[in-house]
PDB file of N, CA and C in Angstrom:
ATOM      1  N   MET A   1      86.764 -37.580  54.509  1.00  0.00           N
ATOM      2  CA  MET A   1      88.065 -36.970  54.584  1.00  0.00           C
ATOM      3  C   MET A   1      88.855 -37.195  53.294  1.00  0.00           C
ATOM      4  N   ILE A   2      88.553 -38.257  52.597  1.00  0.00           N
ATOM      5  CA  ILE A   2      89.265 -38.540  51.352  1.00  0.00           C
ATOM      6  C   ILE A   2      88.994 -37.453  50.324  1.00  0.00           C
ATOM      7  N   ILE A   3      87.731 -37.075  50.172  1.00  0.00           N
ATOM      8  CA  ILE A   3      87.367 -36.059  49.179  1.00  0.00           C
ATOM      9  C   ILE A   3      88.022 -34.727  49.519  1.00  0.00           C
ATOM     10  N   GLU A   4      87.991 -34.342  50.790  1.00  0.00           N
ATOM     11  CA  GLU A   4      88.602 -33.087  51.196  1.00  0.00           C
ATOM     12  C   GLU A   4      90.106 -33.115  50.940  1.00  0.00           C
ATOM     13  N   GLY A   5      90.728 -34.231  51.243  1.00  0.00           N
ATOM     14  CA  GLY A   5      92.163 -34.370  51.004  1.00  0.00           C
ATOM     15  C   GLY A   5      92.508 -34.287  49.526  1.00  0.00           C
ATOM     16  N   LEU A   6      91.671 -34.884  48.687  1.00  0.00           N
ATOM     17  CA  LEU A   6      91.897 -34.812  47.241  1.00  0.00           C
ATOM     18  C   LEU A   6      91.835 -33.372  46.745  1.00  0.00           C
ATOM     19  N   ALA A   7      90.893 -32.614  47.262  1.00  0.00           N
ATOM     20  CA  ALA A   7      90.760 -31.217  46.838  1.00  0.00           C
ATOM     21  C   ALA A   7      92.038 -30.447  47.148  1.00  0.00           C
ATOM     22  N   TYR A   8      92.584 -30.618  48.342  1.00  0.00           N
ATOM     23  CA  TYR A   8      93.822 -29.922  48.702  1.00  0.00           C
ATOM     24  C   TYR A   8      95.010 -30.427  47.887  1.00  0.00           C
ATOM     25  N   ALA A   9      95.037 -31.705  47.580  1.00  0.00           N
ATOM     26  CA  ALA A   9      96.151 -32.274  46.829  1.00  0.00           C
ATOM     27  C   ALA A   9      96.118 -31.875  45.360  1.00  0.00           C
ATOM     28  N   LEU A  10      94.919 -31.811  44.776  1.00  0.00           N
ATOM     29  CA  LEU A  10      94.805 -31.572  43.339  1.00  0.00           C
ATOM     30  C   LEU A  10      94.660 -30.097  42.960  1.00  0.00           C
ATOM     31  N   ALA A  11      94.114 -29.277  43.858  1.00  0.00           N
ATOM     32  CA  ALA A  11      93.844 -27.879  43.489  1.00  0.00           C
ATOM     33  C   ALA A  11      94.090 -26.924  44.658  1.00  0.00           C
ATOM     34  N   PRO A  12      95.308 -26.889  45.197  1.00  0.00           N
ATOM     35  CA  PRO A  12      95.546 -26.030  46.357  1.00  0.00           C
ATOM     36  C   PRO A  12      95.378 -24.537  46.059  1.00  0.00           C
ATOM     37  N   ARG A  13      95.803 -24.086  44.898  1.00  0.00           N
ATOM     38  CA  ARG A  13      95.658 -22.656  44.560  1.00  0.00           C
ATOM     39  C   ARG A  13      94.194 -22.253  44.469  1.00  0.00           C
ATOM     40  N   PHE A  14      93.386 -23.121  43.884  1.00  0.00           N
ATOM     41  CA  PHE A  14      91.956 -22.841  43.778  1.00  0.00           C
ATOM     42  C   PHE A  14      91.340 -22.703  45.168  1.00  0.00           C
ATOM     43  N   LEU A  15      91.709 -23.598  46.080  1.00  0.00           N
ATOM     44  CA  LEU A  15      91.156 -23.539  47.433  1.00  0.00           C
ATOM     45  C   LEU A  15      91.583 -22.270  48.160  1.00  0.00           C
ATOM     46  N   VAL A  16      92.805 -21.822  47.954  1.00  0.00           N
ATOM     47  CA  VAL A  16      93.266 -20.575  48.575  1.00  0.00           C
ATOM     48  C   VAL A  16      92.477 -19.396  48.021  1.00  0.00           C
ATOM     49  N   ARG A  17      92.268 -19.372  46.700  1.00  0.00           N
ATOM     50  CA  ARG A  17      91.472 -18.283  46.101  1.00  0.00           C
ATOM     51  C   ARG A  17      90.048 -18.292  46.630  1.00  0.00           C
ATOM     52  N   MET A  18      89.466 -19.469  46.752  1.00  0.00           N
ATOM     53  CA  MET A  18      88.103 -19.564  47.269  1.00  0.00           C
ATOM     54  C   MET A  18      88.033 -19.094  48.721  1.00  0.00           C
ATOM     55  N   ALA A  19      89.043 -19.413  49.504  1.00  0.00           N
ATOM     56  CA  ALA A  19      89.065 -18.978  50.904  1.00  0.00           C
ATOM     57  C   ALA A  19      89.096 -17.457  50.995  1.00  0.00           C
ATOM     58  N   ARG A  20      89.781 -16.816  50.063  1.00  0.00           N
ATOM     59  CA  ARG A  20      89.818 -15.347  50.052  1.00  0.00           C
ATOM     60  C   ARG A  20      88.486 -14.752  49.626  1.00  0.00           C
ATOM     61  N   LEU A  21      87.752 -15.454  48.775  1.00  0.00           N
ATOM     62  CA  LEU A  21      86.471 -14.942  48.281  1.00  0.00           C
ATOM     63  C   LEU A  21      85.309 -15.187  49.245  1.00  0.00           C
ATOM     64  N   LEU A  22      85.433 -16.171  50.113  1.00  0.00           N
ATOM     65  CA  LEU A  22      84.321 -16.545  50.992  1.00  0.00           C
ATOM     66  C   LEU A  22      83.723 -15.381  51.782  1.00  0.00           C
ATOM     67  N   PRO A  23      84.527 -14.483  52.356  1.00  0.00           N
ATOM     68  CA  PRO A  23      83.913 -13.381  53.114  1.00  0.00           C
ATOM     69  C   PRO A  23      83.033 -12.463  52.259  1.00  0.00           C
ATOM     70  N   GLN A  24      83.218 -12.468  50.951  1.00  0.00           N
ATOM     71  CA  GLN A  24      82.452 -11.597  50.058  1.00  0.00           C
ATOM     72  C   GLN A  24      81.129 -12.230  49.619  1.00  0.00           C
ATOM     73  N   ILE A  25      80.971 -13.519  49.832  1.00  0.00           N
ATOM     74  CA  ILE A  25      79.762 -14.219  49.393  1.00  0.00           C
ATOM     75  C   ILE A  25      78.706 -14.116  50.495  1.00  0.00           C
ATOM     76  N   PRO A  26      77.487 -13.728  50.137  1.00  0.00           N
ATOM     77  CA  PRO A  26      76.424 -13.614  51.145  1.00  0.00           C
ATOM     78  C   PRO A  26      76.166 -14.941  51.867  1.00  0.00           C
ATOM     79  N   GLU A  27      75.814 -14.840  53.153  1.00  0.00           N
ATOM     80  CA  GLU A  27      75.581 -16.040  53.966  1.00  0.00           C
ATOM     81  C   GLU A  27      74.498 -16.932  53.381  1.00  0.00           C
ATOM     82  N   ASP A  28      73.441 -16.334  52.872  1.00  0.00           N
ATOM     83  CA  ASP A  28      72.353 -17.138  52.304  1.00  0.00           C
ATOM     84  C   ASP A  28      72.834 -17.981  51.134  1.00  0.00           C
ATOM     85  N   GLN A  29      73.710 -17.410  50.323  1.00  0.00           N
ATOM     86  CA  GLN A  29      74.235 -18.147  49.175  1.00  0.00           C
ATOM     87  C   GLN A  29      75.134 -19.296  49.647  1.00  0.00           C
ATOM     88  N   LEU A  30      75.956 -19.040  50.660  1.00  0.00           N
ATOM     89  CA  LEU A  30      76.803 -20.105  51.209  1.00  0.00           C
ATOM     90  C   LEU A  30      75.951 -21.218  51.816  1.00  0.00           C
ATOM     91  N   ARG A  31      74.899 -20.825  52.523  1.00  0.00           N
ATOM     92  CA  ARG A  31      74.003 -21.810  53.141  1.00  0.00           C
ATOM     93  C   ARG A  31      73.341 -22.677  52.070  1.00  0.00           C
ATOM     94  N   LEU A  32      72.870 -22.038  51.002  1.00  0.00           N
ATOM     95  CA  LEU A  32      72.236 -22.778  49.913  1.00  0.00           C
ATOM     96  C   LEU A  32      73.225 -23.742  49.264  1.00  0.00           C
ATOM     97  N   PHE A  33      74.450 -23.288  49.056  1.00  0.00           N
ATOM     98  CA  PHE A  33      75.477 -24.156  48.483  1.00  0.00           C
ATOM     99  C   PHE A  33      75.727 -25.358  49.396  1.00  0.00           C
ATOM    100  N   GLY A  34      75.818 -25.111  50.704  1.00  0.00           N
ATOM    101  CA  GLY A  34      76.042 -26.200  51.651  1.00  0.00           C
ATOM    102  C   GLY A  34      74.916 -27.212  51.649  1.00  0.00           C
ATOM    103  N   LEU A  35      73.687 -26.720  51.656  1.00  0.00           N
ATOM    104  CA  LEU A  35      72.533 -27.624  51.631  1.00  0.00           C
ATOM    105  C   LEU A  35      72.464 -28.413  50.331  1.00  0.00           C
ATOM    106  N   THR A  36      72.823 -27.765  49.232  1.00  0.00           N
ATOM    107  CA  THR A  36      72.848 -28.453  47.941  1.00  0.00           C
ATOM    108  C   THR A  36      73.913 -29.548  47.941  1.00  0.00           C
ATOM    109  N   ALA A  37      75.082 -29.248  48.501  1.00  0.00           N
ATOM    110  CA  ALA A  37      76.153 -30.241  48.571  1.00  0.00           C
ATOM    111  C   ALA A  37      75.739 -31.428  49.437  1.00  0.00           C
ATOM    112  N   ILE A  38      75.093 -31.150  50.561  1.00  0.00           N
ATOM    113  CA  ILE A  38      74.628 -32.230  51.443  1.00  0.00           C
ATOM    114  C   ILE A  38      73.607 -33.105  50.727  1.00  0.00           C
ATOM    115  N   THR A  39      72.635 -32.466  50.089  1.00  0.00           N
ATOM    116  CA  THR A  39      71.586 -33.205  49.382  1.00  0.00           C
ATOM    117  C   THR A  39      72.177 -34.067  48.271  1.00  0.00           C
ATOM    118  N   THR A  40      73.109 -33.496  47.525  1.00  0.00           N
ATOM    119  CA  THR A  40      73.756 -34.241  46.448  1.00  0.00           C
ATOM    120  C   THR A  40      74.535 -35.427  47.009  1.00  0.00           C
ATOM    121  N   GLY A  41      75.268 -35.212  48.088  1.00  0.00           N
ATOM    122  CA  GLY A  41      76.033 -36.290  48.706  1.00  0.00           C
ATOM    123  C   GLY A  41      75.154 -37.420  49.200  1.00  0.00           C
ATOM    124  N   VAL A  42      74.060 -37.074  49.863  1.00  0.00           N
ATOM    125  CA  VAL A  42      73.131 -38.100  50.354  1.00  0.00           C
ATOM    126  C   VAL A  42      72.515 -38.857  49.185  1.00  0.00           C
ATOM    127  N   ALA A  43      72.144 -38.144  48.129  1.00  0.00           N
ATOM    128  CA  ALA A  43      71.557 -38.796  46.950  1.00  0.00           C
ATOM    129  C   ALA A  43      72.545 -39.773  46.316  1.00  0.00           C
ATOM    130  N   ILE A  44      73.800 -39.383  46.230  1.00  0.00           N
ATOM    131  CA  ILE A  44      74.817 -40.270  45.645  1.00  0.00           C
ATOM    132  C   ILE A  44      74.994 -41.515  46.511  1.00  0.00           C
ATOM    133  N   VAL A  45      75.059 -41.332  47.820  1.00  0.00           N
ATOM    134  CA  VAL A  45      75.210 -42.487  48.720  1.00  0.00           C
ATOM    135  C   VAL A  45      74.016 -43.424  48.585  1.00  0.00           C
ATOM    136  N   CYS A  46      72.810 -42.872  48.555  1.00  0.00           N
ATOM    137  CA  CYS A  46      71.604 -43.706  48.395  1.00  0.00           C
ATOM    138  C   CYS A  46      71.615 -44.437  47.057  1.00  0.00           C
ATOM    139  N   TRP A  47      72.036 -43.760  46.010  1.00  0.00           N
ATOM    140  CA  TRP A  47      72.083 -44.358  44.678  1.00  0.00           C
ATOM    141  C   TRP A  47      73.104 -45.496  44.631  1.00  0.00           C
ATOM    142  N   VAL A  48      74.281 -45.268  45.218  1.00  0.00           N
ATOM    143  CA  VAL A  48      75.334 -46.281  45.192  1.00  0.00           C
ATOM    144  C   VAL A  48      74.946 -47.498  46.033  1.00  0.00           C
ATOM    145  N   ARG A  49      74.324 -47.249  47.166  1.00  0.00           N
ATOM    146  CA  ARG A  49      73.958 -48.355  48.056  1.00  0.00           C
ATOM    147  C   ARG A  49      72.731 -49.109  47.568  1.00  0.00           C
ATOM    148  N   GLY A  50      72.010 -48.506  46.618  1.00  0.00           N
ATOM    149  CA  GLY A  50      70.869 -49.191  46.017  1.00  0.00           C
ATOM    150  C   GLY A  50      69.651 -49.011  46.817  1.00  0.00           C
TER     151      GLY A  50
END
């Protein structure tokens, strides 16, 4: 929740623009982005925890 909160606090206009663009992005591309974000997050947690 901290990361999500930071995004809204630091770049609210960017998030609003992205929300408007989301319906135009193909589902497969959104899915790939989500899976990439998950994989990156898990890798960072594993790296930090050693």
